[in-house]
mmCIF file of all heavy atoms, coordinates in Angstrom:
data_MODEL
# 
_entry.id   MODEL 
# 
loop_
_atom_site.group_PDB 
_atom_site.id 
_atom_site.type_symbol 
_atom_site.label_atom_id 
_atom_site.label_alt_id 
_atom_site.label_comp_id 
_atom_site.label_asym_id 
_atom_site.label_entity_id 
_atom_site.label_seq_id 
_atom_site.pdbx_PDB_ins_code 
_atom_site.Cartn_x 
_atom_site.Cartn_y 
_atom_site.Cartn_z 
_atom_site.occupancy 
_atom_site.B_iso_or_equiv 
_atom_site.pdbx_formal_charge 
_atom_site.auth_seq_id 
_atom_site.auth_comp_id 
_atom_site.auth_asym_id 
_atom_site.auth_atom_id 
_atom_site.pdbx_PDB_model_num 
ATOM 1   N N   . THR A 1 1  ? -127.157 -168.684 19.044 1.00 0.00 ? 1  THR A N   1 
ATOM 2   C CA  . THR A 1 1  ? -125.859 -169.369 19.077 1.00 0.00 ? 1  THR A CA  1 
ATOM 3   C C   . THR A 1 1  ? -125.722 -170.078 20.417 1.00 0.00 ? 1  THR A C   1 
ATOM 4   O O   . THR A 1 1  ? -126.043 -169.499 21.471 1.00 0.00 ? 1  THR A O   1 
ATOM 5   C CB  . THR A 1 1  ? -124.721 -168.356 18.891 1.00 0.00 ? 1  THR A CB  1 
ATOM 6   O OG1 . THR A 1 1  ? -124.890 -167.679 17.645 1.00 0.00 ? 1  THR A OG1 1 
ATOM 7   C CG2 . THR A 1 1  ? -123.369 -169.050 18.901 1.00 0.00 ? 1  THR A CG2 1 
ATOM 8   N N   . VAL A 1 2  ? -125.278 -171.340 20.390 1.00 0.00 ? 2  VAL A N   1 
ATOM 9   C CA  . VAL A 1 2  ? -125.158 -172.114 21.632 1.00 0.00 ? 2  VAL A CA  1 
ATOM 10  C C   . VAL A 1 2  ? -123.785 -172.752 21.713 1.00 0.00 ? 2  VAL A C   1 
ATOM 11  O O   . VAL A 1 2  ? -123.126 -173.012 20.696 1.00 0.00 ? 2  VAL A O   1 
ATOM 12  C CB  . VAL A 1 2  ? -126.246 -173.195 21.728 1.00 0.00 ? 2  VAL A CB  1 
ATOM 13  C CG1 . VAL A 1 2  ? -127.625 -172.574 21.814 1.00 0.00 ? 2  VAL A CG1 1 
ATOM 14  C CG2 . VAL A 1 2  ? -126.180 -174.157 20.550 1.00 0.00 ? 2  VAL A CG2 1 
ATOM 15  N N   . TYR A 1 3  ? -123.380 -173.006 22.951 1.00 0.00 ? 3  TYR A N   1 
ATOM 16  C CA  . TYR A 1 3  ? -122.135 -173.732 23.199 1.00 0.00 ? 3  TYR A CA  1 
ATOM 17  C C   . TYR A 1 3  ? -122.169 -174.224 24.638 1.00 0.00 ? 3  TYR A C   1 
ATOM 18  O O   . TYR A 1 3  ? -123.037 -173.822 25.434 1.00 0.00 ? 3  TYR A O   1 
ATOM 19  C CB  . TYR A 1 3  ? -120.916 -172.852 22.955 1.00 0.00 ? 3  TYR A CB  1 
ATOM 20  C CG  . TYR A 1 3  ? -120.932 -171.526 23.690 1.00 0.00 ? 3  TYR A CG  1 
ATOM 21  C CD1 . TYR A 1 3  ? -120.428 -171.408 24.981 1.00 0.00 ? 3  TYR A CD1 1 
ATOM 22  C CD2 . TYR A 1 3  ? -121.460 -170.391 23.069 1.00 0.00 ? 3  TYR A CD2 1 
ATOM 23  C CE1 . TYR A 1 3  ? -120.448 -170.198 25.650 1.00 0.00 ? 3  TYR A CE1 1 
ATOM 24  C CE2 . TYR A 1 3  ? -121.486 -169.178 23.734 1.00 0.00 ? 3  TYR A CE2 1 
ATOM 25  C CZ  . TYR A 1 3  ? -120.982 -169.087 25.024 1.00 0.00 ? 3  TYR A CZ  1 
ATOM 26  O OH  . TYR A 1 3  ? -121.001 -167.891 25.690 1.00 0.00 ? 3  TYR A OH  1 
ATOM 27  N N   . THR A 1 4  ? -121.266 -175.099 24.972 1.00 0.00 ? 4  THR A N   1 
ATOM 28  C CA  . THR A 1 4  ? -121.185 -175.619 26.327 1.00 0.00 ? 4  THR A CA  1 
ATOM 29  C C   . THR A 1 4  ? -119.836 -175.262 26.925 1.00 0.00 ? 4  THR A C   1 
ATOM 30  O O   . THR A 1 4  ? -118.897 -174.889 26.206 1.00 0.00 ? 4  THR A O   1 
ATOM 31  C CB  . THR A 1 4  ? -121.388 -177.146 26.350 1.00 0.00 ? 4  THR A CB  1 
ATOM 32  O OG1 . THR A 1 4  ? -121.458 -177.595 27.707 1.00 0.00 ? 4  THR A OG1 1 
ATOM 33  C CG2 . THR A 1 4  ? -120.250 -177.866 25.646 1.00 0.00 ? 4  THR A CG2 1 
ATOM 34  N N   . VAL A 1 5  ? -119.778 -175.331 28.248 1.00 0.00 ? 5  VAL A N   1 
ATOM 35  C CA  . VAL A 1 5  ? -118.529 -175.049 28.956 1.00 0.00 ? 5  VAL A CA  1 
ATOM 36  C C   . VAL A 1 5  ? -118.260 -176.190 29.929 1.00 0.00 ? 5  VAL A C   1 
ATOM 37  O O   . VAL A 1 5  ? -119.203 -176.885 30.360 1.00 0.00 ? 5  VAL A O   1 
ATOM 38  C CB  . VAL A 1 5  ? -118.612 -173.700 29.708 1.00 0.00 ? 5  VAL A CB  1 
ATOM 39  C CG1 . VAL A 1 5  ? -118.731 -172.551 28.744 1.00 0.00 ? 5  VAL A CG1 1 
ATOM 40  C CG2 . VAL A 1 5  ? -119.767 -173.692 30.700 1.00 0.00 ? 5  VAL A CG2 1 
ATOM 41  N N   . PRO A 1 6  ? -117.023 -176.409 30.292 1.00 0.00 ? 6  PRO A N   1 
ATOM 42  C CA  . PRO A 1 6  ? -116.703 -177.499 31.224 1.00 0.00 ? 6  PRO A CA  1 
ATOM 43  C C   . PRO A 1 6  ? -117.455 -177.353 32.542 1.00 0.00 ? 6  PRO A C   1 
ATOM 44  O O   . PRO A 1 6  ? -117.618 -176.256 33.074 1.00 0.00 ? 6  PRO A O   1 
ATOM 45  C CB  . PRO A 1 6  ? -115.188 -177.345 31.413 1.00 0.00 ? 6  PRO A CB  1 
ATOM 46  C CG  . PRO A 1 6  ? -114.712 -176.646 30.182 1.00 0.00 ? 6  PRO A CG  1 
ATOM 47  C CD  . PRO A 1 6  ? -115.809 -175.723 29.799 1.00 0.00 ? 6  PRO A CD  1 
ATOM 48  N N   . GLY A 1 7  ? -117.935 -178.491 33.030 1.00 0.00 ? 7  GLY A N   1 
ATOM 49  C CA  . GLY A 1 7  ? -118.637 -178.519 34.307 1.00 0.00 ? 7  GLY A CA  1 
ATOM 50  C C   . GLY A 1 7  ? -120.104 -178.187 34.227 1.00 0.00 ? 7  GLY A C   1 
ATOM 51  O O   . GLY A 1 7  ? -120.779 -178.118 35.255 1.00 0.00 ? 7  GLY A O   1 
ATOM 52  N N   . MET A 1 8  ? -120.615 -178.001 33.017 1.00 0.00 ? 8  MET A N   1 
ATOM 53  C CA  . MET A 1 8  ? -122.019 -177.597 32.864 1.00 0.00 ? 8  MET A CA  1 
ATOM 54  C C   . MET A 1 8  ? -122.926 -178.819 32.769 1.00 0.00 ? 8  MET A C   1 
ATOM 55  O O   . MET A 1 8  ? -122.553 -179.853 32.217 1.00 0.00 ? 8  MET A O   1 
ATOM 56  C CB  . MET A 1 8  ? -122.169 -176.735 31.600 1.00 0.00 ? 8  MET A CB  1 
ATOM 57  C CG  . MET A 1 8  ? -123.528 -176.062 31.488 1.00 0.00 ? 8  MET A CG  1 
ATOM 58  S SD  . MET A 1 8  ? -123.518 -174.864 30.150 1.00 0.00 ? 8  MET A SD  1 
ATOM 59  C CE  . MET A 1 8  ? -125.165 -174.196 30.338 1.00 0.00 ? 8  MET A CE  1 
ATOM 60  N N   . ASP A 1 9  ? -124.118 -178.709 33.330 1.00 0.00 ? 9  ASP A N   1 
ATOM 61  C CA  . ASP A 1 9  ? -125.091 -179.793 33.276 1.00 0.00 ? 9  ASP A CA  1 
ATOM 62  C C   . ASP A 1 9  ? -125.386 -180.137 31.815 1.00 0.00 ? 9  ASP A C   1 
ATOM 63  O O   . ASP A 1 9  ? -125.615 -179.233 30.998 1.00 0.00 ? 9  ASP A O   1 
ATOM 64  C CB  . ASP A 1 9  ? -126.392 -179.360 33.983 1.00 0.00 ? 9  ASP A CB  1 
ATOM 65  C CG  . ASP A 1 9  ? -127.363 -180.508 34.146 1.00 0.00 ? 9  ASP A CG  1 
ATOM 66  O OD1 . ASP A 1 9  ? -127.901 -180.972 33.117 1.00 0.00 ? 9  ASP A OD1 1 
ATOM 67  O OD2 . ASP A 1 9  ? -127.592 -180.937 35.291 1.00 0.00 ? 9  ASP A OD2 1 
ATOM 68  N N   . PRO A 1 10 ? -125.395 -181.442 31.436 1.00 0.00 ? 10 PRO A N   1 
ATOM 69  C CA  . PRO A 1 10 ? -125.600 -181.820 30.029 1.00 0.00 ? 10 PRO A CA  1 
ATOM 70  C C   . PRO A 1 10 ? -126.980 -181.474 29.485 1.00 0.00 ? 10 PRO A C   1 
ATOM 71  O O   . PRO A 1 10 ? -127.181 -181.484 28.274 1.00 0.00 ? 10 PRO A O   1 
ATOM 72  C CB  . PRO A 1 10 ? -125.358 -183.333 30.029 1.00 0.00 ? 10 PRO A CB  1 
ATOM 73  C CG  . PRO A 1 10 ? -125.624 -183.766 31.435 1.00 0.00 ? 10 PRO A CG  1 
ATOM 74  C CD  . PRO A 1 10 ? -125.138 -182.630 32.297 1.00 0.00 ? 10 PRO A CD  1 
ATOM 75  N N   . ASP A 1 11 ? -127.964 -181.207 30.344 1.00 0.00 ? 11 ASP A N   1 
ATOM 76  C CA  . ASP A 1 11 ? -129.308 -180.850 29.867 1.00 0.00 ? 11 ASP A CA  1 
ATOM 77  C C   . ASP A 1 11 ? -129.400 -179.376 29.486 1.00 0.00 ? 11 ASP A C   1 
ATOM 78  O O   . ASP A 1 11 ? -130.455 -178.916 29.044 1.00 0.00 ? 11 ASP A O   1 
ATOM 79  C CB  . ASP A 1 11 ? -130.358 -181.154 30.942 1.00 0.00 ? 11 ASP A CB  1 
ATOM 80  C CG  . ASP A 1 11 ? -130.615 -182.646 31.074 1.00 0.00 ? 11 ASP A CG  1 
ATOM 81  O OD1 . ASP A 1 11 ? -130.344 -183.375 30.101 1.00 0.00 ? 11 ASP A OD1 1 
ATOM 82  O OD2 . ASP A 1 11 ? -131.063 -183.086 32.154 1.00 0.00 ? 11 ASP A OD2 1 
ATOM 83  N N   . TRP A 1 12 ? -128.315 -178.619 29.671 1.00 0.00 ? 12 TRP A N   1 
ATOM 84  C CA  . TRP A 1 12 ? -128.332 -177.181 29.421 1.00 0.00 ? 12 TRP A CA  1 
ATOM 85  C C   . TRP A 1 12 ? -127.174 -176.776 28.518 1.00 0.00 ? 12 TRP A C   1 
ATOM 86  O O   . TRP A 1 12 ? -126.146 -177.449 28.448 1.00 0.00 ? 12 TRP A O   1 
ATOM 87  C CB  . TRP A 1 12 ? -128.230 -176.399 30.735 1.00 0.00 ? 12 TRP A CB  1 
ATOM 88  C CG  . TRP A 1 12 ? -129.400 -176.610 31.642 1.00 0.00 ? 12 TRP A CG  1 
ATOM 89  C CD1 . TRP A 1 12 ? -129.631 -177.682 32.436 1.00 0.00 ? 12 TRP A CD1 1 
ATOM 90  C CD2 . TRP A 1 12 ? -130.516 -175.739 31.824 1.00 0.00 ? 12 TRP A CD2 1 
ATOM 91  N NE1 . TRP A 1 12 ? -130.814 -177.554 33.119 1.00 0.00 ? 12 TRP A NE1 1 
ATOM 92  C CE2 . TRP A 1 12 ? -131.378 -176.361 32.760 1.00 0.00 ? 12 TRP A CE2 1 
ATOM 93  C CE3 . TRP A 1 12 ? -130.870 -174.490 31.299 1.00 0.00 ? 12 TRP A CE3 1 
ATOM 94  C CZ2 . TRP A 1 12 ? -132.572 -175.766 33.180 1.00 0.00 ? 12 TRP A CZ2 1 
ATOM 95  C CZ3 . TRP A 1 12 ? -132.047 -173.907 31.723 1.00 0.00 ? 12 TRP A CZ3 1 
ATOM 96  C CH2 . TRP A 1 12 ? -132.888 -174.549 32.653 1.00 0.00 ? 12 TRP A CH2 1 
ATOM 97  N N   . LEU A 1 13 ? -127.351 -175.663 27.811 1.00 0.00 ? 13 LEU A N   1 
ATOM 98  C CA  . LEU A 1 13 ? -126.292 -175.049 27.016 1.00 0.00 ? 13 LEU A CA  1 
ATOM 99  C C   . LEU A 1 13 ? -126.277 -173.551 27.309 1.00 0.00 ? 13 LEU A C   1 
ATOM 100 O O   . LEU A 1 13 ? -127.251 -173.014 27.865 1.00 0.00 ? 13 LEU A O   1 
ATOM 101 C CB  . LEU A 1 13 ? -126.532 -175.280 25.513 1.00 0.00 ? 13 LEU A CB  1 
ATOM 102 C CG  . LEU A 1 13 ? -126.415 -176.714 24.969 1.00 0.00 ? 13 LEU A CG  1 
ATOM 103 C CD1 . LEU A 1 13 ? -126.891 -176.760 23.531 1.00 0.00 ? 13 LEU A CD1 1 
ATOM 104 C CD2 . LEU A 1 13 ? -124.986 -177.226 25.074 1.00 0.00 ? 13 LEU A CD2 1 
ATOM 105 N N   . ILE A 1 14 ? -125.194 -172.900 26.934 1.00 0.00 ? 14 ILE A N   1 
ATOM 106 C CA  . ILE A 1 14 ? -125.162 -171.439 26.992 1.00 0.00 ? 14 ILE A CA  1 
ATOM 107 C C   . ILE A 1 14 ? -125.692 -170.908 25.664 1.00 0.00 ? 14 ILE A C   1 
ATOM 108 O O   . ILE A 1 14 ? -125.234 -171.315 24.595 1.00 0.00 ? 14 ILE A O   1 
ATOM 109 C CB  . ILE A 1 14 ? -123.740 -170.910 27.240 1.00 0.00 ? 14 ILE A CB  1 
ATOM 110 C CG1 . ILE A 1 14 ? -123.200 -171.432 28.566 1.00 0.00 ? 14 ILE A CG1 1 
ATOM 111 C CG2 . ILE A 1 14 ? -123.725 -169.392 27.210 1.00 0.00 ? 14 ILE A CG2 1 
ATOM 112 C CD1 . ILE A 1 14 ? -123.980 -170.945 29.772 1.00 0.00 ? 14 ILE A CD1 1 
ATOM 113 N N   . GLY A 1 15 ? -126.673 -170.035 25.715 1.00 0.00 ? 15 GLY A N   1 
ATOM 114 C CA  . GLY A 1 15 ? -127.252 -169.465 24.506 1.00 0.00 ? 15 GLY A CA  1 
ATOM 115 C C   . GLY A 1 15 ? -126.976 -167.978 24.411 1.00 0.00 ? 15 GLY A C   1 
ATOM 116 O O   . GLY A 1 15 ? -127.003 -167.265 25.431 1.00 0.00 ? 15 GLY A O   1 
ATOM 117 N N   . GLU A 1 16 ? -126.702 -167.505 23.208 1.00 0.00 ? 16 GLU A N   1 
ATOM 118 C CA  . GLU A 1 16 ? -126.454 -166.082 22.984 1.00 0.00 ? 16 GLU A CA  1 
ATOM 119 C C   . GLU A 1 16 ? -127.369 -165.565 21.885 1.00 0.00 ? 16 GLU A C   1 
ATOM 120 O O   . GLU A 1 16 ? -127.551 -166.225 20.859 1.00 0.00 ? 16 GLU A O   1 
ATOM 121 C CB  . GLU A 1 16 ? -124.988 -165.839 22.601 1.00 0.00 ? 16 GLU A CB  1 
ATOM 122 C CG  . GLU A 1 16 ? -124.014 -166.033 23.743 1.00 0.00 ? 16 GLU A CG  1 
ATOM 123 C CD  . GLU A 1 16 ? -122.605 -165.581 23.364 1.00 0.00 ? 16 GLU A CD  1 
ATOM 124 O OE1 . GLU A 1 16 ? -122.421 -165.155 22.199 1.00 0.00 ? 16 GLU A OE1 1 
ATOM 125 O OE2 . GLU A 1 16 ? -121.703 -165.660 24.216 1.00 0.00 ? 16 GLU A OE2 1 
ATOM 126 N N   . ARG A 1 17 ? -127.932 -164.368 22.135 1.00 0.00 ? 17 ARG A N   1 
ATOM 127 C CA  . ARG A 1 17 ? -128.766 -163.706 21.141 1.00 0.00 ? 17 ARG A CA  1 
ATOM 128 C C   . ARG A 1 17 ? -128.410 -162.224 21.207 1.00 0.00 ? 17 ARG A C   1 
ATOM 129 O O   . ARG A 1 17 ? -128.845 -161.505 22.102 1.00 0.00 ? 17 ARG A O   1 
ATOM 130 C CB  . ARG A 1 17 ? -130.248 -163.930 21.442 1.00 0.00 ? 17 ARG A CB  1 
ATOM 131 C CG  . ARG A 1 17 ? -131.186 -163.239 20.430 1.00 0.00 ? 17 ARG A CG  1 
ATOM 132 C CD  . ARG A 1 17 ? -132.639 -163.494 20.791 1.00 0.00 ? 17 ARG A CD  1 
ATOM 133 N NE  . ARG A 1 17 ? -132.907 -163.073 22.156 1.00 0.00 ? 17 ARG A NE  1 
ATOM 134 C CZ  . ARG A 1 17 ? -133.549 -163.814 23.057 1.00 0.00 ? 17 ARG A CZ  1 
ATOM 135 N NH1 . ARG A 1 17 ? -133.971 -165.016 22.733 1.00 0.00 ? 17 ARG A NH1 1 
ATOM 136 N NH2 . ARG A 1 17 ? -133.758 -163.360 24.281 1.00 0.00 ? 17 ARG A NH2 1 
ATOM 137 N N   . GLY A 1 18 ? -127.544 -161.795 20.259 1.00 0.00 ? 18 GLY A N   1 
ATOM 138 C CA  . GLY A 1 18 ? -127.061 -160.427 20.317 1.00 0.00 ? 18 GLY A CA  1 
ATOM 139 C C   . GLY A 1 18 ? -126.196 -160.210 21.551 1.00 0.00 ? 18 GLY A C   1 
ATOM 140 O O   . GLY A 1 18 ? -125.234 -160.930 21.797 1.00 0.00 ? 18 GLY A O   1 
ATOM 141 N N   . ASN A 1 19 ? -126.582 -159.227 22.399 1.00 0.00 ? 19 ASN A N   1 
ATOM 142 C CA  . ASN A 1 19 ? -125.852 -158.964 23.631 1.00 0.00 ? 19 ASN A CA  1 
ATOM 143 C C   . ASN A 1 19 ? -126.387 -159.752 24.818 1.00 0.00 ? 19 ASN A C   1 
ATOM 144 O O   . ASN A 1 19 ? -125.847 -159.650 25.916 1.00 0.00 ? 19 ASN A O   1 
ATOM 145 C CB  . ASN A 1 19 ? -125.907 -157.459 23.952 1.00 0.00 ? 19 ASN A CB  1 
ATOM 146 C CG  . ASN A 1 19 ? -125.192 -156.630 22.900 1.00 0.00 ? 19 ASN A CG  1 
ATOM 147 O OD1 . ASN A 1 19 ? -124.208 -157.084 22.324 1.00 0.00 ? 19 ASN A OD1 1 
ATOM 148 N ND2 . ASN A 1 19 ? -125.697 -155.421 22.653 1.00 0.00 ? 19 ASN A ND2 1 
ATOM 149 N N   . GLN A 1 20 ? -127.466 -160.512 24.589 1.00 0.00 ? 20 GLN A N   1 
ATOM 150 C CA  . GLN A 1 20 ? -128.066 -161.296 25.669 1.00 0.00 ? 20 GLN A CA  1 
ATOM 151 C C   . GLN A 1 20 ? -127.426 -162.673 25.736 1.00 0.00 ? 20 GLN A C   1 
ATOM 152 O O   . GLN A 1 20 ? -127.107 -163.284 24.709 1.00 0.00 ? 20 GLN A O   1 
ATOM 153 C CB  . GLN A 1 20 ? -129.575 -161.427 25.460 1.00 0.00 ? 20 GLN A CB  1 
ATOM 154 C CG  . GLN A 1 20 ? -130.315 -160.088 25.533 1.00 0.00 ? 20 GLN A CG  1 
ATOM 155 C CD  . GLN A 1 20 ? -131.800 -160.271 25.269 1.00 0.00 ? 20 GLN A CD  1 
ATOM 156 O OE1 . GLN A 1 20 ? -132.193 -160.902 24.298 1.00 0.00 ? 20 GLN A OE1 1 
ATOM 157 N NE2 . GLN A 1 20 ? -132.616 -159.718 26.143 1.00 0.00 ? 20 GLN A NE2 1 
ATOM 158 N N   . LYS A 1 21 ? -127.304 -163.199 26.949 1.00 0.00 ? 21 LYS A N   1 
ATOM 159 C CA  . LYS A 1 21 ? -126.649 -164.486 27.140 1.00 0.00 ? 21 LYS A CA  1 
ATOM 160 C C   . LYS A 1 21 ? -127.241 -165.155 28.365 1.00 0.00 ? 21 LYS A C   1 
ATOM 161 O O   . LYS A 1 21 ? -127.601 -164.492 29.341 1.00 0.00 ? 21 LYS A O   1 
ATOM 162 C CB  . LYS A 1 21 ? -125.141 -164.268 27.304 1.00 0.00 ? 21 LYS A CB  1 
ATOM 163 C CG  . LYS A 1 21 ? -124.345 -165.533 27.540 1.00 0.00 ? 21 LYS A CG  1 
ATOM 164 C CD  . LYS A 1 21 ? -122.844 -165.312 27.353 1.00 0.00 ? 21 LYS A CD  1 
ATOM 165 C CE  . LYS A 1 21 ? -122.328 -164.118 28.140 1.00 0.00 ? 21 LYS A CE  1 
ATOM 166 N NZ  . LYS A 1 21 ? -120.870 -163.946 27.986 1.00 0.00 ? 21 LYS A NZ  1 
ATOM 167 N N   . GLY A 1 22 ? -127.363 -166.486 28.324 1.00 0.00 ? 22 GLY A N   1 
ATOM 168 C CA  . GLY A 1 22 ? -127.896 -167.218 29.466 1.00 0.00 ? 22 GLY A CA  1 
ATOM 169 C C   . GLY A 1 22 ? -128.023 -168.694 29.159 1.00 0.00 ? 22 GLY A C   1 
ATOM 170 O O   . GLY A 1 22 ? -127.849 -169.145 28.023 1.00 0.00 ? 22 GLY A O   1 
ATOM 171 N N   . LYS A 1 23 ? -128.342 -169.451 30.195 1.00 0.00 ? 23 LYS A N   1 
ATOM 172 C CA  . LYS A 1 23 ? -128.513 -170.898 30.041 1.00 0.00 ? 23 LYS A CA  1 
ATOM 173 C C   . LYS A 1 23 ? -129.848 -171.182 29.330 1.00 0.00 ? 23 LYS A C   1 
ATOM 174 O O   . LYS A 1 23 ? -130.853 -170.513 29.598 1.00 0.00 ? 23 LYS A O   1 
ATOM 175 C CB  . LYS A 1 23 ? -128.482 -171.585 31.400 1.00 0.00 ? 23 LYS A CB  1 
ATOM 176 C CG  . LYS A 1 23 ? -127.126 -171.523 32.101 1.00 0.00 ? 23 LYS A CG  1 
ATOM 177 C CD  . LYS A 1 23 ? -127.174 -172.209 33.444 1.00 0.00 ? 23 LYS A CD  1 
ATOM 178 C CE  . LYS A 1 23 ? -128.118 -171.483 34.401 1.00 0.00 ? 23 LYS A CE  1 
ATOM 179 N NZ  . LYS A 1 23 ? -128.106 -172.085 35.750 1.00 0.00 ? 23 LYS A NZ  1 
ATOM 180 N N   . VAL A 1 24 ? -129.844 -172.206 28.459 1.00 0.00 ? 24 VAL A N   1 
ATOM 181 C CA  . VAL A 1 24 ? -131.058 -172.619 27.739 1.00 0.00 ? 24 VAL A CA  1 
ATOM 182 C C   . VAL A 1 24 ? -131.149 -174.146 27.795 1.00 0.00 ? 24 VAL A C   1 
ATOM 183 O O   . VAL A 1 24 ? -130.123 -174.845 27.748 1.00 0.00 ? 24 VAL A O   1 
ATOM 184 C CB  . VAL A 1 24 ? -131.042 -172.138 26.269 1.00 0.00 ? 24 VAL A CB  1 
ATOM 185 C CG1 . VAL A 1 24 ? -131.123 -170.624 26.206 1.00 0.00 ? 24 VAL A CG1 1 
ATOM 186 C CG2 . VAL A 1 24 ? -129.796 -172.616 25.550 1.00 0.00 ? 24 VAL A CG2 1 
# 
C-alpha cells in the first residue's frame, strides 16, 4: 500500500506492508 504526504519528494512514496512502513 502506498500514499504520499505533503512536502515529500515526488520521486518517493510512503509504502506499507503489514506493520512495516518506509519510503519507497
